[in-house]
């Protein structure tokens, strides 16, 4: 989505968990859209330009998120445009990704991301320019990778993803995104009271854990300790996996994952 209009940053500041009003062009921040009770409705990554804010999110949210956000516009001076069909993202990772992307397409918006747990960023380009950008990146030495390899990198570094570790039942604190996607001192927004209560006076019952297993795991596999279910695998790649487990489970604990031993690495 693209947000324009003089109140675009103020508008998002009021409804999302992140602070937006002090953002400067070129700056990127992650945010969550939550209910009044603190459960997540969406997770998104945002970057500012001179005259707009660009936001992207997982495809599963495309049917609901734009309309959900538009419900809060009222008389606000903001324009919201769904640019899914006109703009595309190319993910470039590795040290020097920004310099490489800038050489290949100097006019593009560069969007740093922590979604892999390594140095990486998205290049926002017009749909018609994607093929030429990918070609230019290849000629400059970049190598294409598939979804499986990207997932392996993400999982091994313990990075949560919407639709896997985060969904409509999740609190930001459970997935561990509150440290960079929730601003605890910015004032009122939708769900602010719930976030403050959890952060300052409470806790959540689950947490994100990185597992190292003796064999391949599958998402949805129950995790048991002494025959008691304490969590569920949410993402897996080779012998590494992510899971939401009871907050009391300590690193070093060995769990049973459908007959496979899985040790909590963090």
C-alpha atoms as a PDB file:
ATOM      1  CA  UNK A   1       0.000   0.000   0.000  1.00  0.00           C
ATOM      2  CA  UNK A   2       1.020   3.597  -0.560  1.00  0.00           C
ATOM      3  CA  UNK A   3      -0.024   6.311   1.899  1.00  0.00           C
ATOM      4  CA  UNK A   4       0.056   9.925   0.795  1.00  0.00           C
ATOM      5  CA  UNK A   5      -1.389  13.157   2.150  1.00  0.00           C
ATOM      6  CA  UNK A   6      -0.134  15.541   4.803  1.00  0.00           C
ATOM      7  CA  UNK A   7      -1.466  13.469   7.722  1.00  0.00           C
ATOM      8  CA  UNK A   8      -0.227  10.071   6.521  1.00  0.00           C
ATOM      9  CA  UNK A   9       2.329   9.617   9.310  1.00  0.00           C
ATOM     10  CA  UNK A  10       0.010  10.991  11.986  1.00  0.00           C
ATOM     11  CA  UNK A  11      -2.746   8.639  10.797  1.00  0.00           C
ATOM     12  CA  UNK A  12      -0.602   5.487  11.075  1.00  0.00           C
ATOM     13  CA  UNK A  13       0.797   6.725  14.382  1.00  0.00           C
ATOM     14  CA  UNK A  14      -2.742   6.584  15.811  1.00  0.00           C
ATOM     15  CA  UNK A  15      -3.690   3.053  14.742  1.00  0.00           C
ATOM     16  CA  UNK A  16      -0.491   0.952  14.650  1.00  0.00           C
ATOM     17  CA  UNK A  17       1.930  -0.093  17.384  1.00  0.00           C
ATOM     18  CA  UNK A  18       4.905   1.762  15.929  1.00  0.00           C
ATOM     19  CA  UNK A  19       5.816   5.453  16.125  1.00  0.00           C
ATOM     20  CA  UNK A  20       5.582   7.117  12.707  1.00  0.00           C
ATOM     21  CA  UNK A  21       5.413  10.886  13.221  1.00  0.00           C
ATOM     22  CA  UNK A  22       9.186  11.323  13.571  1.00  0.00           C
ATOM     23  CA  UNK A  23      10.154   9.201  10.536  1.00  0.00           C
ATOM     24  CA  UNK A  24      12.373  10.790   7.893  1.00  0.00           C
ATOM     25  CA  UNK A  25      12.593   9.876   4.175  1.00  0.00           C
ATOM     26  CA  UNK A  26      14.436   6.612   3.646  1.00  0.00           C
ATOM     27  CA  UNK A  27      13.762   5.316   7.155  1.00  0.00           C
ATOM     28  CA  UNK A  28      12.190   1.868   7.626  1.00  0.00           C
ATOM     29  CA  UNK A  29      10.182   0.588  10.589  1.00  0.00           C
ATOM     30  CA  UNK A  30       8.118  -2.516  11.331  1.00  0.00           C
ATOM     31  CA  UNK A  31       4.699  -2.336  12.975  1.00  0.00           C
ATOM     32  CA  UNK A  32       1.753  -4.424  14.085  1.00  0.00           C
ATOM     33  CA  UNK A  33      -1.969  -3.800  13.747  1.00  0.00           C
ATOM     34  CA  UNK A  34      -3.655  -5.139  16.878  1.00  0.00           C
ATOM     35  CA  UNK A  35      -7.045  -5.417  18.499  1.00  0.00           C
ATOM     36  CA  UNK A  36      -8.023  -3.504  21.625  1.00  0.00           C
ATOM     37  CA  UNK A  37      -7.112  -6.676  23.524  1.00  0.00           C
ATOM     38  CA  UNK A  38      -3.608  -6.766  22.052  1.00  0.00           C
ATOM     39  CA  UNK A  39      -3.870  -9.672  19.640  1.00  0.00           C
ATOM     40  CA  UNK A  40      -2.381  -9.158  16.204  1.00  0.00           C
ATOM     41  CA  UNK A  41      -4.451  -8.500  13.105  1.00  0.00           C
ATOM     42  CA  UNK A  42      -1.424  -7.907  10.881  1.00  0.00           C
ATOM     43  CA  UNK A  43       2.313  -7.355  10.765  1.00  0.00           C
ATOM     44  CA  UNK A  44       3.821  -4.989   8.227  1.00  0.00           C
ATOM     45  CA  UNK A  45       7.086  -3.387   7.116  1.00  0.00           C
ATOM     46  CA  UNK A  46       7.107   0.312   6.202  1.00  0.00           C
ATOM     47  CA  UNK A  47       9.484   2.770   4.549  1.00  0.00           C
ATOM     48  CA  UNK A  48       9.120   6.505   3.969  1.00  0.00           C
ATOM     49  CA  UNK A  49       9.884   8.583   0.894  1.00  0.00           C
ATOM     50  CA  UNK A  50       9.782  12.331   0.375  1.00  0.00           C
ATOM     51  CA  UNK A  51       6.056  12.321  -0.312  1.00  0.00           C
ATOM     52  CA  UNK A  52       4.693   8.932   0.778  1.00  0.00           C
ATOM     53  CA  UNK A  53       4.894   5.939   3.062  1.00  0.00           C
ATOM     54  CA  UNK A  54       5.102   2.486   1.461  1.00  0.00           C
ATOM     55  CA  UNK A  55       3.877  -0.571   3.356  1.00  0.00           C
ATOM     56  CA  UNK A  56       4.066  -4.242   2.508  1.00  0.00           C
ATOM     57  CA  UNK A  57       2.790  -7.390   4.199  1.00  0.00           C
ATOM     58  CA  UNK A  58       2.217 -11.086   3.581  1.00  0.00           C
ATOM     59  CA  UNK A  59      -0.192 -12.072   0.753  1.00  0.00           C
ATOM     60  CA  UNK A  60      -2.558 -13.716   3.255  1.00  0.00           C
ATOM     61  CA  UNK A  61      -3.463 -10.229   4.512  1.00  0.00           C
ATOM     62  CA  UNK A  62      -4.293  -8.676   1.156  1.00  0.00           C
ATOM     63  CA  UNK A  63      -8.013  -9.416   1.278  1.00  0.00           C
ATOM     64  CA  UNK A  64      -8.542  -7.863   4.704  1.00  0.00           C
ATOM     65  CA  UNK A  65      -5.822  -5.378   5.669  1.00  0.00           C
ATOM     66  CA  UNK A  66      -6.444  -2.483   3.231  1.00  0.00           C
ATOM     67  CA  UNK A  67     -10.130  -2.267   4.156  1.00  0.00           C
ATOM     68  CA  UNK A  68      -9.366  -2.685   7.871  1.00  0.00           C
ATOM     69  CA  UNK A  69      -7.040   0.307   7.769  1.00  0.00           C
ATOM     70  CA  UNK A  70      -9.403   2.438   5.674  1.00  0.00           C
ATOM     71  CA  UNK A  71     -12.064   2.041   8.372  1.00  0.00           C
ATOM     72  CA  UNK A  72     -10.058   4.451  10.564  1.00  0.00           C
ATOM     73  CA  UNK A  73      -9.659   7.261   8.042  1.00  0.00           C
ATOM     74  CA  UNK A  74     -12.752   9.378   8.877  1.00  0.00           C
ATOM     75  CA  UNK A  75     -11.819  13.003   8.039  1.00  0.00           C
ATOM     76  CA  UNK A  76      -8.066  12.426   8.079  1.00  0.00           C
ATOM     77  CA  UNK A  77      -6.070  13.976   5.242  1.00  0.00           C
ATOM     78  CA  UNK A  78      -4.574  10.731   3.971  1.00  0.00           C
ATOM     79  CA  UNK A  79      -4.923   8.831   0.716  1.00  0.00           C
ATOM     80  CA  UNK A  80      -4.501   5.039   0.708  1.00  0.00           C
ATOM     81  CA  UNK A  81      -3.731   3.240  -2.533  1.00  0.00           C
ATOM     82  CA  UNK A  82      -3.365  -0.486  -3.093  1.00  0.00           C
ATOM     83  CA  UNK A  83      -0.292  -0.710  -5.357  1.00  0.00           C
ATOM     84  CA  UNK A  84      -0.082  -4.517  -5.408  1.00  0.00           C
ATOM     85  CA  UNK A  85      -0.640  -4.699  -9.151  1.00  0.00           C
ATOM     86  CA  UNK A  86       1.577  -1.763 -10.104  1.00  0.00           C
ATOM     87  CA  UNK A  87       4.637  -2.092  -7.840  1.00  0.00           C
ATOM     88  CA  UNK A  88       6.802  -5.071  -6.942  1.00  0.00           C
ATOM     89  CA  UNK A  89       9.514  -5.904  -4.459  1.00  0.00           C
ATOM     90  CA  UNK A  90      12.846  -7.535  -5.169  1.00  0.00           C
ATOM     91  CA  UNK A  91      14.633  -8.860  -2.083  1.00  0.00           C
ATOM     92  CA  UNK A  92      18.423  -8.451  -2.086  1.00  0.00           C
ATOM     93  CA  UNK A  93      20.485  -9.899   0.773  1.00  0.00           C
ATOM     94  CA  UNK A  94      24.096  -9.956   1.846  1.00  0.00           C
ATOM     95  CA  UNK A  95      26.685  -7.374   2.844  1.00  0.00           C
ATOM     96  CA  UNK A  96      26.641  -4.464   0.428  1.00  0.00           C
ATOM     97  CA  UNK A  97      23.085  -5.113  -0.777  1.00  0.00           C
ATOM     98  CA  UNK A  98      22.254  -1.399  -0.686  1.00  0.00           C
ATOM     99  CA  UNK A  99      25.236  -0.355  -2.777  1.00  0.00           C
ATOM    100  CA  UNK A 100      24.552  -3.123  -5.290  1.00  0.00           C
ATOM    101  CA  UNK A 101      20.876  -2.222  -5.630  1.00  0.00           C
ATOM    102  CA  UNK A 102      21.665   1.480  -5.951  1.00  0.00           C
ATOM    103  CA  UNK A 103      24.056   0.821  -8.816  1.00  0.00           C
ATOM    104  CA  UNK A 104      21.513  -1.304 -10.643  1.00  0.00           C
ATOM    105  CA  UNK A 105      18.536   1.009 -10.213  1.00  0.00           C
ATOM    106  CA  UNK A 106      19.540   4.406  -8.750  1.00  0.00           C
ATOM    107  CA  UNK A 107      15.994   5.816  -8.648  1.00  0.00           C
ATOM    108  CA  UNK A 108      14.371   2.946  -6.715  1.00  0.00           C
ATOM    109  CA  UNK A 109      13.164   3.074  -3.114  1.00  0.00           C
ATOM    110  CA  UNK A 110      15.391   0.904  -0.904  1.00  0.00           C
ATOM    111  CA  UNK A 111      13.767  -0.678   2.123  1.00  0.00           C
ATOM    112  CA  UNK A 112      16.049  -2.276   4.775  1.00  0.00           C
ATOM    113  CA  UNK A 113      14.519  -5.392   6.329  1.00  0.00           C
ATOM    114  CA  UNK A 114      15.196  -7.643   9.304  1.00  0.00           C
ATOM    115  CA  UNK A 115      12.903 -10.361   7.930  1.00  0.00           C
ATOM    116  CA  UNK A 116      15.788 -12.775   7.285  1.00  0.00           C
ATOM    117  CA  UNK A 117      17.962 -11.986  10.283  1.00  0.00           C
ATOM    118  CA  UNK A 118      20.834 -10.995   7.959  1.00  0.00           C
ATOM    119  CA  UNK A 119      21.727  -7.863   6.022  1.00  0.00           C
ATOM    120  CA  UNK A 120      18.994  -7.471   3.422  1.00  0.00           C
ATOM    121  CA  UNK A 121      16.575  -5.040   1.844  1.00  0.00           C
ATOM    122  CA  UNK A 122      13.699  -4.731  -0.592  1.00  0.00           C
ATOM    123  CA  UNK A 123      13.889  -2.748  -3.791  1.00  0.00           C
ATOM    124  CA  UNK A 124      10.542  -1.129  -4.664  1.00  0.00           C
ATOM    125  CA  UNK A 125      10.127  -0.844  -8.425  1.00  0.00           C
ATOM    126  CA  UNK A 126       7.389  -0.498 -10.994  1.00  0.00           C
ATOM    127  CA  UNK A 127       6.072  -3.858 -12.114  1.00  0.00           C
ATOM    128  CA  UNK A 128       7.380  -3.385 -15.664  1.00  0.00           C
ATOM    129  CA  UNK A 129      10.928  -2.863 -14.337  1.00  0.00           C
ATOM    130  CA  UNK A 130      11.268  -6.103 -12.362  1.00  0.00           C
ATOM    131  CA  UNK A 131      12.802  -8.206 -15.111  1.00  0.00           C
ATOM    132  CA  UNK A 132      15.389  -5.589 -16.017  1.00  0.00           C
ATOM    133  CA  UNK A 133      16.332  -5.138 -12.354  1.00  0.00           C
ATOM    134  CA  UNK A 134      16.770  -8.874 -11.808  1.00  0.00           C
ATOM    135  CA  UNK A 135      18.897  -9.017 -14.954  1.00  0.00           C
ATOM    136  CA  UNK A 136      21.047  -6.120 -13.797  1.00  0.00           C
ATOM    137  CA  UNK A 137      21.541  -7.679 -10.368  1.00  0.00           C
ATOM    138  CA  UNK A 138      22.649 -10.934 -11.966  1.00  0.00           C
ATOM    139  CA  UNK A 139      25.092  -9.145 -14.248  1.00  0.00           C
ATOM    140  CA  UNK A 140      26.506  -7.387 -11.160  1.00  0.00           C
ATOM    141  CA  UNK A 141      27.190 -10.731  -9.460  1.00  0.00           C
ATOM    142  CA  UNK A 142      24.055 -11.435  -7.444  1.00  0.00           C
ATOM    143  CA  UNK A 143      22.783 -15.004  -7.432  1.00  0.00           C
ATOM    144  CA  UNK A 144      19.069 -15.938  -7.403  1.00  0.00           C
ATOM    145  CA  UNK A 145      17.752 -18.022  -4.510  1.00  0.00           C
ATOM    146  CA  UNK A 146      14.447 -19.757  -3.907  1.00  0.00           C
ATOM    147  CA  UNK A 147      11.882 -19.596  -1.148  1.00  0.00           C
ATOM    148  CA  UNK A 148      13.236 -22.714   0.570  1.00  0.00           C
ATOM    149  CA  UNK A 149      16.688 -21.185   0.989  1.00  0.00           C
ATOM    150  CA  UNK A 150      15.262 -17.908   2.272  1.00  0.00           C
ATOM    151  CA  UNK A 151      13.122 -19.797   4.784  1.00  0.00           C
ATOM    152  CA  UNK A 152      16.156 -21.755   5.940  1.00  0.00           C
ATOM    153  CA  UNK A 153      18.037 -18.516   6.617  1.00  0.00           C
ATOM    154  CA  UNK A 154      15.084 -16.976   8.455  1.00  0.00           C
ATOM    155  CA  UNK A 155      14.387 -20.010  10.604  1.00  0.00           C
ATOM    156  CA  UNK A 156      18.022 -20.571  11.561  1.00  0.00           C
ATOM    157  CA  UNK A 157      18.156 -16.997  12.855  1.00  0.00           C
ATOM    158  CA  UNK A 158      14.915 -17.208  14.799  1.00  0.00           C
ATOM    159  CA  UNK A 159      12.943 -14.601  12.852  1.00  0.00           C
ATOM    160  CA  UNK A 160       9.122 -14.901  13.044  1.00  0.00           C
ATOM    161  CA  UNK A 161       6.882 -14.534  10.001  1.00  0.00           C
ATOM    162  CA  UNK A 162       3.208 -13.734   9.608  1.00  0.00           C
ATOM    163  CA  UNK A 163       1.147 -16.841   8.884  1.00  0.00           C
ATOM    164  CA  UNK A 164       3.726 -19.020  10.620  1.00  0.00           C
ATOM    165  CA  UNK A 165       4.727 -17.679  14.053  1.00  0.00           C
ATOM    166  CA  UNK A 166       2.248 -14.796  13.975  1.00  0.00           C
ATOM    167  CA  UNK A 167      -1.504 -14.872  13.366  1.00  0.00           C
ATOM    168  CA  UNK A 168      -4.748 -13.479  14.770  1.00  0.00           C
ATOM    169  CA  UNK A 169      -4.252 -15.343  18.065  1.00  0.00           C
ATOM    170  CA  UNK A 170      -0.752 -13.982  18.695  1.00  0.00           C
ATOM    171  CA  UNK A 171       0.403 -11.177  20.964  1.00  0.00           C
ATOM    172  CA  UNK A 172       3.471  -9.281  19.615  1.00  0.00           C
ATOM    173  CA  UNK A 173       5.373 -10.252  22.762  1.00  0.00           C
ATOM    174  CA  UNK A 174       4.858 -13.953  22.067  1.00  0.00           C
ATOM    175  CA  UNK A 175       6.537 -13.699  18.677  1.00  0.00           C
ATOM    176  CA  UNK A 176       9.242 -11.410  20.047  1.00  0.00           C
ATOM    177  CA  UNK A 177       8.525  -8.559  17.627  1.00  0.00           C
ATOM    178  CA  UNK A 178       7.608  -6.060  20.337  1.00  0.00           C
ATOM    179  CA  UNK A 179      11.245  -4.999  20.696  1.00  0.00           C
ATOM    180  CA  UNK A 180      11.296  -3.419  17.229  1.00  0.00           C
ATOM    181  CA  UNK A 181       7.634  -3.128  16.196  1.00  0.00           C
ATOM    182  CA  UNK A 182       5.962  -1.769  19.357  1.00  0.00           C
ATOM    183  CA  UNK A 183       6.639   1.718  20.729  1.00  0.00           C
ATOM    184  CA  UNK A 184       5.792   1.822  24.433  1.00  0.00           C
ATOM    185  CA  UNK A 185       6.120   5.572  24.980  1.00  0.00           C
ATOM    186  CA  UNK A 186       4.287   7.172  22.063  1.00  0.00           C
ATOM    187  CA  UNK A 187       0.837   7.549  23.624  1.00  0.00           C
ATOM    188  CA  UNK A 188      -2.563   6.272  22.585  1.00  0.00           C
ATOM    189  CA  UNK A 189      -3.240   3.935  19.688  1.00  0.00           C
ATOM    190  CA  UNK A 190      -5.528   0.970  19.108  1.00  0.00           C
ATOM    191  CA  UNK A 191      -4.535  -1.699  21.656  1.00  0.00           C
ATOM    192  CA  UNK A 192      -2.097   0.553  23.545  1.00  0.00           C
ATOM    193  CA  UNK A 193      -3.538  -0.273  26.962  1.00  0.00           C
ATOM    194  CA  UNK A 194      -3.159  -4.006  26.407  1.00  0.00           C
ATOM    195  CA  UNK A 195       0.453  -3.578  25.266  1.00  0.00           C
ATOM    196  CA  UNK A 196       1.284  -1.448  28.294  1.00  0.00           C
ATOM    197  CA  UNK A 197      -0.245  -3.939  30.733  1.00  0.00           C
ATOM    198  CA  UNK A 198       1.728  -6.841  29.271  1.00  0.00           C
ATOM    199  CA  UNK A 199       4.972  -4.872  29.100  1.00  0.00           C
ATOM    200  CA  UNK A 200       4.927  -3.165  32.480  1.00  0.00           C
ATOM    201  CA  UNK A 201       2.832  -5.432  34.701  1.00  0.00           C
ATOM    202  CA  UNK A 202       2.310  -8.817  33.112  1.00  0.00           C
ATOM    203  CA  UNK A 203       3.629 -11.477  30.793  1.00  0.00           C
ATOM    204  CA  UNK A 204       2.471 -13.725  27.980  1.00  0.00           C
ATOM    205  CA  UNK A 205       2.058 -17.471  28.322  1.00  0.00           C
ATOM    206  CA  UNK A 206       3.954 -18.405  25.171  1.00  0.00           C
ATOM    207  CA  UNK A 207       7.250 -17.427  23.609  1.00  0.00           C
ATOM    208  CA  UNK A 208       9.088 -17.990  20.349  1.00  0.00           C
ATOM    209  CA  UNK A 209      11.752 -20.694  20.529  1.00  0.00           C
ATOM    210  CA  UNK A 210      14.443 -21.862  18.124  1.00  0.00           C
ATOM    211  CA  UNK A 211      14.815 -25.647  18.030  1.00  0.00           C
ATOM    212  CA  UNK A 212      17.630 -27.934  16.892  1.00  0.00           C
ATOM    213  CA  UNK A 213      16.269 -31.384  16.071  1.00  0.00           C
ATOM    214  CA  UNK A 214      17.752 -34.822  15.412  1.00  0.00           C
ATOM    215  CA  UNK A 215      15.645 -35.088  12.250  1.00  0.00           C
ATOM    216  CA  UNK A 216      13.367 -33.057   9.971  1.00  0.00           C
ATOM    217  CA  UNK A 217      10.341 -31.502  11.648  1.00  0.00           C
ATOM    218  CA  UNK A 218       7.048 -30.357  10.183  1.00  0.00           C
ATOM    219  CA  UNK A 219       4.925 -27.303  11.007  1.00  0.00           C
ATOM    220  CA  UNK A 220       2.014 -28.311  13.206  1.00  0.00           C
ATOM    221  CA  UNK A 221       3.942 -31.015  15.081  1.00  0.00           C
ATOM    222  CA  UNK A 222       3.127 -31.027  18.784  1.00  0.00           C
ATOM    223  CA  UNK A 223       5.966 -30.579  21.238  1.00  0.00           C
ATOM    224  CA  UNK A 224       5.764 -32.530  24.465  1.00  0.00           C
ATOM    225  CA  UNK A 225       7.718 -32.554  27.692  1.00  0.00           C
ATOM    226  CA  UNK A 226       7.097 -35.485  30.031  1.00  0.00           C
ATOM    227  CA  UNK A 227       4.005 -36.351  27.946  1.00  0.00           C
ATOM    228  CA  UNK A 228       2.554 -32.862  28.409  1.00  0.00           C
ATOM    229  CA  UNK A 229       2.023 -30.625  25.379  1.00  0.00           C
ATOM    230  CA  UNK A 230       4.018 -27.427  25.763  1.00  0.00           C
ATOM    231  CA  UNK A 231       4.063 -26.048  22.230  1.00  0.00           C
ATOM    232  CA  UNK A 232       3.772 -26.481  18.471  1.00  0.00           C
ATOM    233  CA  UNK A 233       6.268 -26.293  15.610  1.00  0.00           C
ATOM    234  CA  UNK A 234       5.441 -23.303  13.380  1.00  0.00           C
ATOM    235  CA  UNK A 235       8.249 -23.363  10.781  1.00  0.00           C
ATOM    236  CA  UNK A 236      10.893 -25.948   9.924  1.00  0.00           C
ATOM    237  CA  UNK A 237      13.871 -26.373   7.616  1.00  0.00           C
ATOM    238  CA  UNK A 238      16.169 -29.386   7.772  1.00  0.00           C
ATOM    239  CA  UNK A 239      17.032 -29.844  11.458  1.00  0.00           C
ATOM    240  CA  UNK A 240      16.117 -26.323  12.558  1.00  0.00           C
ATOM    241  CA  UNK A 241      12.644 -25.171  13.531  1.00  0.00           C
ATOM    242  CA  UNK A 242      10.715 -22.386  15.171  1.00  0.00           C
ATOM    243  CA  UNK A 243       7.974 -23.032  17.693  1.00  0.00           C
ATOM    244  CA  UNK A 244       5.691 -21.271  20.114  1.00  0.00           C
ATOM    245  CA  UNK A 245       6.218 -22.887  23.503  1.00  0.00           C
ATOM    246  CA  UNK A 246       5.252 -22.205  27.097  1.00  0.00           C
ATOM    247  CA  UNK A 247       7.165 -19.254  28.468  1.00  0.00           C
ATOM    248  CA  UNK A 248       8.642 -21.432  31.217  1.00  0.00           C
ATOM    249  CA  UNK A 249      10.562 -23.685  28.787  1.00  0.00           C
ATOM    250  CA  UNK A 250      14.271 -22.952  29.193  1.00  0.00           C
ATOM    251  CA  UNK A 251      17.033 -23.140  26.564  1.00  0.00           C
ATOM    252  CA  UNK A 252      18.692 -26.552  26.660  1.00  0.00           C
ATOM    253  CA  UNK A 253      15.436 -28.404  27.299  1.00  0.00           C
ATOM    254  CA  UNK A 254      14.908 -31.439  25.079  1.00  0.00           C
ATOM    255  CA  UNK A 255      11.362 -31.897  23.795  1.00  0.00           C
ATOM    256  CA  UNK A 256       9.620 -34.737  22.013  1.00  0.00           C
ATOM    257  CA  UNK A 257       8.432 -33.720  18.536  1.00  0.00           C
ATOM    258  CA  UNK A 258       6.477 -36.681  17.274  1.00  0.00           C
ATOM    259  CA  UNK A 259       9.217 -39.110  18.219  1.00  0.00           C
ATOM    260  CA  UNK A 260      12.081 -36.775  17.224  1.00  0.00           C
ATOM    261  CA  UNK A 261      14.239 -35.150  19.896  1.00  0.00           C
ATOM    262  CA  UNK A 262      14.246 -31.366  19.598  1.00  0.00           C
ATOM    263  CA  UNK A 263      16.430 -29.230  21.839  1.00  0.00           C
ATOM    264  CA  UNK A 264      15.480 -25.644  22.645  1.00  0.00           C
ATOM    265  CA  UNK A 265      18.439 -23.604  21.381  1.00  0.00           C
ATOM    266  CA  UNK A 266      17.067 -20.218  22.475  1.00  0.00           C
END
